[in-house]
C-alpha atoms as a PDB file:
ATOM      1  CA  UNK A   1      13.095 -26.511  11.066  1.00  0.00           C
ATOM      2  CA  UNK A   2      14.785 -25.689   7.991  1.00  0.00           C
ATOM      3  CA  UNK A   3      17.995 -24.878   6.334  1.00  0.00           C
ATOM      4  CA  UNK A   4      19.008 -21.948   4.603  1.00  0.00           C
ATOM      5  CA  UNK A   5      20.685 -23.460   1.023  1.00  0.00           C
ATOM      6  CA  UNK A   6      21.336 -21.386  -2.318  1.00  0.00           C
ATOM      7  CA  UNK A   7      19.700 -22.736  -5.535  1.00  0.00           C
ATOM      8  CA  UNK A   8      22.820 -23.552  -7.604  1.00  0.00           C
ATOM      9  CA  UNK A   9      20.842 -23.420 -10.671  1.00  0.00           C
ATOM     10  CA  UNK A  10      20.446 -19.916 -11.173  1.00  0.00           C
ATOM     11  CA  UNK A  11      22.631 -17.141 -10.305  1.00  0.00           C
ATOM     12  CA  UNK A  12      21.637 -13.733  -8.007  1.00  0.00           C
ATOM     13  CA  UNK A  13      20.925 -11.812 -11.138  1.00  0.00           C
ATOM     14  CA  UNK A  14      18.826 -14.176 -12.617  1.00  0.00           C
ATOM     15  CA  UNK A  15      17.028 -14.676  -9.334  1.00  0.00           C
ATOM     16  CA  UNK A  16      16.403 -11.227  -9.072  1.00  0.00           C
ATOM     17  CA  UNK A  17      15.066 -11.273 -12.918  1.00  0.00           C
ATOM     18  CA  UNK A  18      12.869 -13.954 -12.172  1.00  0.00           C
ATOM     19  CA  UNK A  19      11.325 -12.427  -9.603  1.00  0.00           C
ATOM     20  CA  UNK A  20      11.274  -8.790 -10.829  1.00  0.00           C
ATOM     21  CA  UNK A  21       9.453 -10.291 -14.510  1.00  0.00           C
ATOM     22  CA  UNK A  22       6.878 -12.041 -12.251  1.00  0.00           C
ATOM     23  CA  UNK A  23       5.979  -8.803 -10.155  1.00  0.00           C
ATOM     24  CA  UNK A  24       5.754  -7.152 -13.141  1.00  0.00           C
ATOM     25  CA  UNK A  25       3.300  -9.253 -14.555  1.00  0.00           C
ATOM     26  CA  UNK A  26       0.909  -9.653 -11.560  1.00  0.00           C
ATOM     27  CA  UNK A  27       1.302  -6.057 -10.850  1.00  0.00           C
ATOM     28  CA  UNK A  28      -0.025  -5.406 -14.226  1.00  0.00           C
ATOM     29  CA  UNK A  29      -2.430  -7.494 -14.030  1.00  0.00           C
ATOM     30  CA  UNK A  30      -3.957  -6.499 -10.860  1.00  0.00           C
ATOM     31  CA  UNK A  31      -3.273  -2.817 -11.533  1.00  0.00           C
ATOM     32  CA  UNK A  32      -7.496  -2.016 -11.779  1.00  0.00           C
ATOM     33  CA  UNK A  33      -7.891  -3.608  -8.996  1.00  0.00           C
ATOM     34  CA  UNK A  34      -5.392  -1.832  -6.788  1.00  0.00           C
ATOM     35  CA  UNK A  35      -6.773   1.528  -8.510  1.00  0.00           C
ATOM     36  CA  UNK A  36     -10.013   1.157  -7.191  1.00  0.00           C
ATOM     37  CA  UNK A  37      -8.843   0.010  -3.503  1.00  0.00           C
ATOM     38  CA  UNK A  38      -6.654   2.963  -3.088  1.00  0.00           C
ATOM     39  CA  UNK A  39      -9.422   5.252  -4.524  1.00  0.00           C
ATOM     40  CA  UNK A  40     -11.962   3.697  -1.811  1.00  0.00           C
ATOM     41  CA  UNK A  41      -9.422   4.229   0.564  1.00  0.00           C
ATOM     42  CA  UNK A  42      -8.664   7.461   0.038  1.00  0.00           C
ATOM     43  CA  UNK A  43     -12.754   8.673  -0.211  1.00  0.00           C
ATOM     44  CA  UNK A  44     -12.393   9.350  -3.715  1.00  0.00           C
ATOM     45  CA  UNK A  45     -15.337   7.053  -4.328  1.00  0.00           C
ATOM     46  CA  UNK A  46     -19.055   8.575  -4.088  1.00  0.00           C
ATOM     47  CA  UNK A  47     -22.076   7.294  -4.475  1.00  0.00           C
ATOM     48  CA  UNK A  48     -23.756   4.250  -3.469  1.00  0.00           C
ATOM     49  CA  UNK A  49     -22.447   1.730  -6.033  1.00  0.00           C
ATOM     50  CA  UNK A  50     -18.680   1.653  -4.369  1.00  0.00           C
ATOM     51  CA  UNK A  51     -18.051  -1.617  -5.698  1.00  0.00           C
ATOM     52  CA  UNK A  52     -14.602  -2.510  -7.699  1.00  0.00           C
ATOM     53  CA  UNK A  53     -16.393  -2.891 -11.136  1.00  0.00           C
ATOM     54  CA  UNK A  54     -18.580   0.151 -10.607  1.00  0.00           C
ATOM     55  CA  UNK A  55     -15.642   2.000  -9.622  1.00  0.00           C
ATOM     56  CA  UNK A  56     -13.447   0.784 -12.644  1.00  0.00           C
ATOM     57  CA  UNK A  57     -16.082   1.678 -15.029  1.00  0.00           C
ATOM     58  CA  UNK A  58     -16.550   5.124 -13.622  1.00  0.00           C
ATOM     59  CA  UNK A  59     -12.820   5.654 -14.145  1.00  0.00           C
ATOM     60  CA  UNK A  60     -13.119   4.240 -17.533  1.00  0.00           C
ATOM     61  CA  UNK A  61     -15.451   6.670 -18.564  1.00  0.00           C
ATOM     62  CA  UNK A  62     -14.388   9.703 -17.085  1.00  0.00           C
ATOM     63  CA  UNK A  63     -10.781   9.343 -17.850  1.00  0.00           C
ATOM     64  CA  UNK A  64     -10.486   6.494 -20.194  1.00  0.00           C
ATOM     65  CA  UNK A  65      -9.263   3.169 -20.557  1.00  0.00           C
ATOM     66  CA  UNK A  66      -5.463   3.783 -19.978  1.00  0.00           C
ATOM     67  CA  UNK A  67      -6.491   5.620 -16.131  1.00  0.00           C
ATOM     68  CA  UNK A  68      -7.003   1.753 -15.006  1.00  0.00           C
ATOM     69  CA  UNK A  69      -3.221   1.415 -15.013  1.00  0.00           C
ATOM     70  CA  UNK A  70      -2.410   5.028 -13.124  1.00  0.00           C
ATOM     71  CA  UNK A  71       0.442   4.524 -10.829  1.00  0.00           C
ATOM     72  CA  UNK A  72       1.497   1.344 -12.394  1.00  0.00           C
ATOM     73  CA  UNK A  73       4.463   2.419 -13.799  1.00  0.00           C
ATOM     74  CA  UNK A  74       6.006   3.484 -10.619  1.00  0.00           C
ATOM     75  CA  UNK A  75       4.870   0.314  -8.865  1.00  0.00           C
ATOM     76  CA  UNK A  76       6.855  -1.664 -11.519  1.00  0.00           C
ATOM     77  CA  UNK A  77      10.026   0.534 -11.398  1.00  0.00           C
ATOM     78  CA  UNK A  78      10.367   0.312  -7.543  1.00  0.00           C
ATOM     79  CA  UNK A  79      10.174  -3.519  -7.876  1.00  0.00           C
ATOM     80  CA  UNK A  80      13.815  -4.093  -8.380  1.00  0.00           C
ATOM     81  CA  UNK A  81      15.075  -1.699  -5.923  1.00  0.00           C
ATOM     82  CA  UNK A  82      12.754  -3.069  -3.159  1.00  0.00           C
ATOM     83  CA  UNK A  83      13.408  -6.637  -4.275  1.00  0.00           C
ATOM     84  CA  UNK A  84      16.977  -6.132  -3.697  1.00  0.00           C
ATOM     85  CA  UNK A  85      16.904  -4.216  -0.494  1.00  0.00           C
ATOM     86  CA  UNK A  86      14.212  -7.294   0.811  1.00  0.00           C
ATOM     87  CA  UNK A  87      16.881 -10.178  -0.302  1.00  0.00           C
ATOM     88  CA  UNK A  88      19.821  -8.139   0.879  1.00  0.00           C
ATOM     89  CA  UNK A  89      17.729  -7.660   4.446  1.00  0.00           C
ATOM     90  CA  UNK A  90      16.488 -10.989   4.316  1.00  0.00           C
ATOM     91  CA  UNK A  91      19.451 -12.766   4.144  1.00  0.00           C
ATOM     92  CA  UNK A  92      21.314 -10.737   7.131  1.00  0.00           C
ATOM     93  CA  UNK A  93      18.172 -11.489   9.338  1.00  0.00           C
ATOM     94  CA  UNK A  94      18.329 -15.051   8.764  1.00  0.00           C
ATOM     95  CA  UNK A  95      22.196 -15.179   9.181  1.00  0.00           C
ATOM     96  CA  UNK A  96      20.932 -13.380  13.073  1.00  0.00           C
ATOM     97  CA  UNK A  97      18.357 -15.925  13.822  1.00  0.00           C
ATOM     98  CA  UNK A  98      20.085 -19.028  12.412  1.00  0.00           C
ATOM     99  CA  UNK A  99      21.555 -21.455  15.123  1.00  0.00           C
ATOM    100  CA  UNK A 100      25.093 -23.333  14.674  1.00  0.00           C
ATOM    101  CA  UNK A 101      23.897 -26.031  12.702  1.00  0.00           C
ATOM    102  CA  UNK A 102      22.585 -23.668  10.086  1.00  0.00           C
ATOM    103  CA  UNK A 103      18.816 -24.095  10.809  1.00  0.00           C
ATOM    104  CA  UNK A 104      15.913 -21.563  11.121  1.00  0.00           C
ATOM    105  CA  UNK A 105      12.423 -22.303  12.790  1.00  0.00           C
ATOM    106  CA  UNK A 106       9.507 -21.645  10.797  1.00  0.00           C
ATOM    107  CA  UNK A 107       8.610 -18.456  13.337  1.00  0.00           C
ATOM    108  CA  UNK A 108      12.093 -17.045  12.834  1.00  0.00           C
ATOM    109  CA  UNK A 109      11.849 -17.280   8.790  1.00  0.00           C
ATOM    110  CA  UNK A 110       8.506 -15.481   9.262  1.00  0.00           C
ATOM    111  CA  UNK A 111      10.115 -12.656  11.440  1.00  0.00           C
ATOM    112  CA  UNK A 112      13.148 -12.497   9.195  1.00  0.00           C
ATOM    113  CA  UNK A 113      10.686 -11.844   6.226  1.00  0.00           C
ATOM    114  CA  UNK A 114       8.332  -9.751   7.910  1.00  0.00           C
ATOM    115  CA  UNK A 115      11.709  -7.055   9.236  1.00  0.00           C
ATOM    116  CA  UNK A 116      13.210  -7.592   5.553  1.00  0.00           C
ATOM    117  CA  UNK A 117       9.904  -6.378   4.050  1.00  0.00           C
ATOM    118  CA  UNK A 118       9.661  -3.856   6.533  1.00  0.00           C
ATOM    119  CA  UNK A 119      13.453  -2.406   5.906  1.00  0.00           C
ATOM    120  CA  UNK A 120      12.617  -2.467   2.105  1.00  0.00           C
ATOM    121  CA  UNK A 121       9.234  -0.542   2.442  1.00  0.00           C
ATOM    122  CA  UNK A 122      10.879   2.124   4.770  1.00  0.00           C
ATOM    123  CA  UNK A 123      13.749   2.916   1.910  1.00  0.00           C
ATOM    124  CA  UNK A 124      11.633   2.851  -1.135  1.00  0.00           C
ATOM    125  CA  UNK A 125       8.319   4.634   0.359  1.00  0.00           C
ATOM    126  CA  UNK A 126       8.326   7.620  -1.372  1.00  0.00           C
ATOM    127  CA  UNK A 127       7.844   5.589  -4.538  1.00  0.00           C
ATOM    128  CA  UNK A 128       4.766   4.381  -3.006  1.00  0.00           C
ATOM    129  CA  UNK A 129       3.751   7.639  -1.883  1.00  0.00           C
ATOM    130  CA  UNK A 130       3.971   8.785  -5.592  1.00  0.00           C
ATOM    131  CA  UNK A 131       2.175   5.952  -6.611  1.00  0.00           C
ATOM    132  CA  UNK A 132      -0.653   6.973  -4.361  1.00  0.00           C
ATOM    133  CA  UNK A 133      -0.800  10.670  -5.708  1.00  0.00           C
ATOM    134  CA  UNK A 134      -0.826   9.206  -9.392  1.00  0.00           C
ATOM    135  CA  UNK A 135      -3.702   7.338  -8.366  1.00  0.00           C
ATOM    136  CA  UNK A 136      -6.187   9.778  -7.075  1.00  0.00           C
ATOM    137  CA  UNK A 137      -5.245  12.524  -9.804  1.00  0.00           C
ATOM    138  CA  UNK A 138      -7.279  12.953 -12.505  1.00  0.00           C
ATOM    139  CA  UNK A 139      -5.364  11.994 -15.972  1.00  0.00           C
ATOM    140  CA  UNK A 140      -7.486  14.862 -17.959  1.00  0.00           C
ATOM    141  CA  UNK A 141      -6.192  17.421 -15.846  1.00  0.00           C
ATOM    142  CA  UNK A 142      -3.165  15.820 -13.934  1.00  0.00           C
ATOM    143  CA  UNK A 143      -1.388  17.717 -11.433  1.00  0.00           C
ATOM    144  CA  UNK A 144       1.997  15.337 -11.920  1.00  0.00           C
ATOM    145  CA  UNK A 145       3.010  14.999 -15.439  1.00  0.00           C
ATOM    146  CA  UNK A 146       5.268  11.933 -14.373  1.00  0.00           C
ATOM    147  CA  UNK A 147       7.089  10.112 -11.727  1.00  0.00           C
ATOM    148  CA  UNK A 148       9.910  12.530 -12.004  1.00  0.00           C
ATOM    149  CA  UNK A 149       7.829  15.598 -12.015  1.00  0.00           C
ATOM    150  CA  UNK A 150       5.782  14.243  -8.895  1.00  0.00           C
ATOM    151  CA  UNK A 151       8.907  13.702  -6.817  1.00  0.00           C
ATOM    152  CA  UNK A 152      10.404  17.169  -7.590  1.00  0.00           C
ATOM    153  CA  UNK A 153       6.856  18.687  -6.769  1.00  0.00           C
ATOM    154  CA  UNK A 154       6.450  17.256  -3.821  1.00  0.00           C
ATOM    155  CA  UNK A 155       9.677  17.851  -2.610  1.00  0.00           C
ATOM    156  CA  UNK A 156       9.638  21.470  -3.416  1.00  0.00           C
ATOM    157  CA  UNK A 157       6.019  22.240  -2.378  1.00  0.00           C
ATOM    158  CA  UNK A 158       5.739  20.058   0.853  1.00  0.00           C
ATOM    159  CA  UNK A 159       9.385  19.439   2.057  1.00  0.00           C
ATOM    160  CA  UNK A 160      11.499  16.102   2.248  1.00  0.00           C
ATOM    161  CA  UNK A 161       9.296  14.840   5.092  1.00  0.00           C
ATOM    162  CA  UNK A 162       6.197  14.347   2.949  1.00  0.00           C
ATOM    163  CA  UNK A 163       7.564  11.697   1.028  1.00  0.00           C
ATOM    164  CA  UNK A 164       7.595   9.665   4.195  1.00  0.00           C
ATOM    165  CA  UNK A 165       4.181  10.914   5.314  1.00  0.00           C
ATOM    166  CA  UNK A 166       2.320   7.496   6.684  1.00  0.00           C
ATOM    167  CA  UNK A 167       5.311   5.582   7.202  1.00  0.00           C
ATOM    168  CA  UNK A 168       4.972   4.743  10.312  1.00  0.00           C
ATOM    169  CA  UNK A 169       1.664   2.996   9.583  1.00  0.00           C
ATOM    170  CA  UNK A 170       3.564   0.636   7.265  1.00  0.00           C
ATOM    171  CA  UNK A 171       5.520  -0.196  10.343  1.00  0.00           C
ATOM    172  CA  UNK A 172       2.802  -0.461  12.528  1.00  0.00           C
ATOM    173  CA  UNK A 173       0.983  -2.738   9.897  1.00  0.00           C
ATOM    174  CA  UNK A 174       3.785  -4.916   9.672  1.00  0.00           C
ATOM    175  CA  UNK A 175       2.820  -6.516  13.321  1.00  0.00           C
ATOM    176  CA  UNK A 176      -0.553  -7.713  12.425  1.00  0.00           C
ATOM    177  CA  UNK A 177       0.703  -8.511   8.982  1.00  0.00           C
ATOM    178  CA  UNK A 178       3.424 -11.117  10.290  1.00  0.00           C
ATOM    179  CA  UNK A 179       0.940 -12.370  12.972  1.00  0.00           C
ATOM    180  CA  UNK A 180      -1.483 -13.068  10.338  1.00  0.00           C
ATOM    181  CA  UNK A 181       1.023 -15.060   8.355  1.00  0.00           C
ATOM    182  CA  UNK A 182       2.161 -16.890  11.325  1.00  0.00           C
ATOM    183  CA  UNK A 183      -1.303 -17.918  12.141  1.00  0.00           C
ATOM    184  CA  UNK A 184      -1.751 -19.501   9.045  1.00  0.00           C
ATOM    185  CA  UNK A 185       1.527 -21.241   8.734  1.00  0.00           C
ATOM    186  CA  UNK A 186       1.586 -23.010  12.190  1.00  0.00           C
ATOM    187  CA  UNK A 187      -1.858 -24.409  11.397  1.00  0.00           C
ATOM    188  CA  UNK A 188      -1.216 -25.637   7.916  1.00  0.00           C
ATOM    189  CA  UNK A 189      -0.783 -29.481   8.911  1.00  0.00           C
ATOM    190  CA  UNK A 190      -4.308 -29.227  10.572  1.00  0.00           C
ATOM    191  CA  UNK A 191      -5.685 -27.672   7.563  1.00  0.00           C
ATOM    192  CA  UNK A 192      -4.539 -30.181   4.924  1.00  0.00           C
ATOM    193  CA  UNK A 193      -4.502 -33.353   7.570  1.00  0.00           C
ATOM    194  CA  UNK A 194      -0.741 -34.238   6.617  1.00  0.00           C
ATOM    195  CA  UNK A 195       2.926 -33.120   6.618  1.00  0.00           C
ATOM    196  CA  UNK A 196       4.455 -30.198   5.202  1.00  0.00           C
ATOM    197  CA  UNK A 197       6.929 -32.412   2.944  1.00  0.00           C
ATOM    198  CA  UNK A 198       3.957 -33.992   1.200  1.00  0.00           C
ATOM    199  CA  UNK A 199       2.198 -30.574   0.195  1.00  0.00           C
ATOM    200  CA  UNK A 200       1.933 -30.389  -3.660  1.00  0.00           C
ATOM    201  CA  UNK A 201       2.482 -27.314  -5.709  1.00  0.00           C
ATOM    202  CA  UNK A 202      -1.075 -26.622  -5.613  1.00  0.00           C
ATOM    203  CA  UNK A 203      -1.586 -26.822  -2.311  1.00  0.00           C
ATOM    204  CA  UNK A 204       1.496 -24.352  -1.697  1.00  0.00           C
ATOM    205  CA  UNK A 205      -0.089 -22.233  -3.946  1.00  0.00           C
ATOM    206  CA  UNK A 206      -3.122 -22.037  -2.056  1.00  0.00           C
ATOM    207  CA  UNK A 207      -1.114 -21.990   1.515  1.00  0.00           C
ATOM    208  CA  UNK A 208       0.232 -18.822  -0.041  1.00  0.00           C
ATOM    209  CA  UNK A 209      -3.271 -17.290  -0.615  1.00  0.00           C
ATOM    210  CA  UNK A 210      -4.630 -18.068   2.779  1.00  0.00           C
ATOM    211  CA  UNK A 211      -1.693 -16.545   4.321  1.00  0.00           C
ATOM    212  CA  UNK A 212      -1.650 -13.406   1.861  1.00  0.00           C
ATOM    213  CA  UNK A 213      -5.685 -12.646   2.501  1.00  0.00           C
ATOM    214  CA  UNK A 214      -5.291 -13.492   6.521  1.00  0.00           C
ATOM    215  CA  UNK A 215      -2.308 -10.840   6.558  1.00  0.00           C
ATOM    216  CA  UNK A 216      -3.532  -8.517   4.238  1.00  0.00           C
ATOM    217  CA  UNK A 217      -7.004  -8.374   6.450  1.00  0.00           C
ATOM    218  CA  UNK A 218      -5.719  -7.708   9.573  1.00  0.00           C
ATOM    219  CA  UNK A 219      -3.103  -5.018   8.301  1.00  0.00           C
ATOM    220  CA  UNK A 220      -5.654  -3.323   6.094  1.00  0.00           C
ATOM    221  CA  UNK A 221      -6.884  -0.926   8.370  1.00  0.00           C
ATOM    222  CA  UNK A 222      -3.158   0.396   8.762  1.00  0.00           C
ATOM    223  CA  UNK A 223      -3.086   0.770   5.112  1.00  0.00           C
ATOM    224  CA  UNK A 224      -6.341   2.707   4.671  1.00  0.00           C
ATOM    225  CA  UNK A 225      -5.014   5.283   7.113  1.00  0.00           C
ATOM    226  CA  UNK A 226      -1.798   5.397   5.207  1.00  0.00           C
ATOM    227  CA  UNK A 227      -3.185   6.012   2.163  1.00  0.00           C
ATOM    228  CA  UNK A 228      -5.488   8.557   3.369  1.00  0.00           C
ATOM    229  CA  UNK A 229      -2.247  10.527   4.521  1.00  0.00           C
ATOM    230  CA  UNK A 230      -0.233   9.852   1.311  1.00  0.00           C
ATOM    231  CA  UNK A 231      -3.051  11.680  -0.279  1.00  0.00           C
ATOM    232  CA  UNK A 232      -3.599  14.580   1.872  1.00  0.00           C
ATOM    233  CA  UNK A 233      -0.976  16.809   0.740  1.00  0.00           C
ATOM    234  CA  UNK A 234      -2.453  16.380  -3.106  1.00  0.00           C
ATOM    235  CA  UNK A 235      -6.239  17.409  -1.685  1.00  0.00           C
ATOM    236  CA  UNK A 236      -4.445  20.359   0.129  1.00  0.00           C
ATOM    237  CA  UNK A 237      -4.440  21.005   4.116  1.00  0.00           C
ATOM    238  CA  UNK A 238      -6.640  23.923   3.709  1.00  0.00           C
ATOM    239  CA  UNK A 239      -9.488  22.324   1.295  1.00  0.00           C
ATOM    240  CA  UNK A 240      -9.183  19.323   4.143  1.00  0.00           C
ATOM    241  CA  UNK A 241      -9.926  21.608   7.184  1.00  0.00           C
ATOM    242  CA  UNK A 242     -12.644  23.242   5.271  1.00  0.00           C
ATOM    243  CA  UNK A 243     -14.219  19.968   4.563  1.00  0.00           C
ATOM    244  CA  UNK A 244     -14.115  19.439   8.186  1.00  0.00           C
ATOM    245  CA  UNK A 245     -15.669  22.171   9.156  1.00  0.00           C
ATOM    246  CA  UNK A 246     -18.451  21.961   6.935  1.00  0.00           C
ATOM    247  CA  UNK A 247     -18.964  18.131   8.333  1.00  0.00           C
ATOM    248  CA  UNK A 248     -19.453  19.698  11.919  1.00  0.00           C
ATOM    249  CA  UNK A 249     -22.080  22.614  10.816  1.00  0.00           C
ATOM    250  CA  UNK A 250     -25.137  20.492  10.761  1.00  0.00           C
ATOM    251  CA  UNK A 251     -24.333  20.037  14.636  1.00  0.00           C
ATOM    252  CA  UNK A 252     -23.589  23.159  15.439  1.00  0.00           C
ATOM    253  CA  UNK A 253     -26.359  25.031  13.376  1.00  0.00           C
ATOM    254  CA  UNK A 254     -28.790  22.437  15.274  1.00  0.00           C
ATOM    255  CA  UNK A 255     -27.334  23.005  19.252  1.00  0.00           C
ATOM    256  CA  UNK A 256     -27.948  26.704  18.217  1.00  0.00           C
ATOM    257  CA  UNK A 257     -24.163  27.538  18.427  1.00  0.00           C
ATOM    258  CA  UNK A 258     -23.934  28.742  14.942  1.00  0.00           C
ATOM    259  CA  UNK A 259     -26.563  30.592  12.840  1.00  0.00           C
ATOM    260  CA  UNK A 260     -28.723  28.745  10.359  1.00  0.00           C
ATOM    261  CA  UNK A 261     -26.868  30.005   7.313  1.00  0.00           C
ATOM    262  CA  UNK A 262     -23.621  30.089   8.805  1.00  0.00           C
ATOM    263  CA  UNK A 263     -20.859  27.817   6.890  1.00  0.00           C
ATOM    264  CA  UNK A 264     -17.455  29.076   8.612  1.00  0.00           C
ATOM    265  CA  UNK A 265     -16.489  31.095  11.324  1.00  0.00           C
ATOM    266  CA  UNK A 266     -15.350  34.104   8.912  1.00  0.00           C
ATOM    267  CA  UNK A 267     -18.300  33.598   6.757  1.00  0.00           C
ATOM    268  CA  UNK A 268     -19.046  32.020   3.338  1.00  0.00           C
ATOM    269  CA  UNK A 269     -16.725  34.182   1.132  1.00  0.00           C
ATOM    270  CA  UNK A 270     -13.714  33.600   3.588  1.00  0.00           C
ATOM    271  CA  UNK A 271     -14.382  29.684   3.038  1.00  0.00           C
ATOM    272  CA  UNK A 272     -14.177  30.217  -0.810  1.00  0.00           C
ATOM    273  CA  UNK A 273     -11.005  32.297  -0.614  1.00  0.00           C
ATOM    274  CA  UNK A 274      -9.207  29.602   1.640  1.00  0.00           C
ATOM    275  CA  UNK A 275     -10.534  26.888  -0.879  1.00  0.00           C
ATOM    276  CA  UNK A 276      -9.642  28.654  -3.979  1.00  0.00           C
END
């Protein structure tokens, strides 16, 4: 059982500023790892060497060292509105799950945090999609010149709903994410063989790392599909359909349904015109 208390040593704006600065530092520090992960998720990594180091090195050599931090600007900018929405939603959900004595259970606290995170992700989802688009583009031949240009281009060319492409995967992925966090926190006393009140700062840090690792692993397939949907408009639906058709051609040719030199129902030239 836990009690909701406000830390009187810091004001609300100071807490938000501290959380924002910590988030900016952590995002900037891990931006190259995020870039390599997103490129692997959307299928931009080719070849036999698909590790994080090989991917980062390939991007560095092809586009320069600044390319390792593609999309980090919009990720940092979305921290403050995301944190504000999440904090406001979390307070509402905590009050909703709190009993008459002002107590809230560990389970209800995790559920409140998950619901608040889901609300903040939905509200700020367009910035996450823009971050993915900025990551997958080539900095030497960019499709978007910046955050504002990316937002206006996607809105004008693909429509408003394109800014929320894949948002349903965020909602679905919150279920295994919450389950993973709950699984870890329900077994902390068994893991450390002691009460939670006596956990040291190092133990609490390890608890957060374990909870994040388990929950991210369980929800990672949803995140992978979401990234693919986010990057789909950048690749182009016609080009994607052509790639799918090419992938089916070997089977169709081997089964005798298509001629041996066939690449498209309308011919090779038609396929080239579609891709262009």
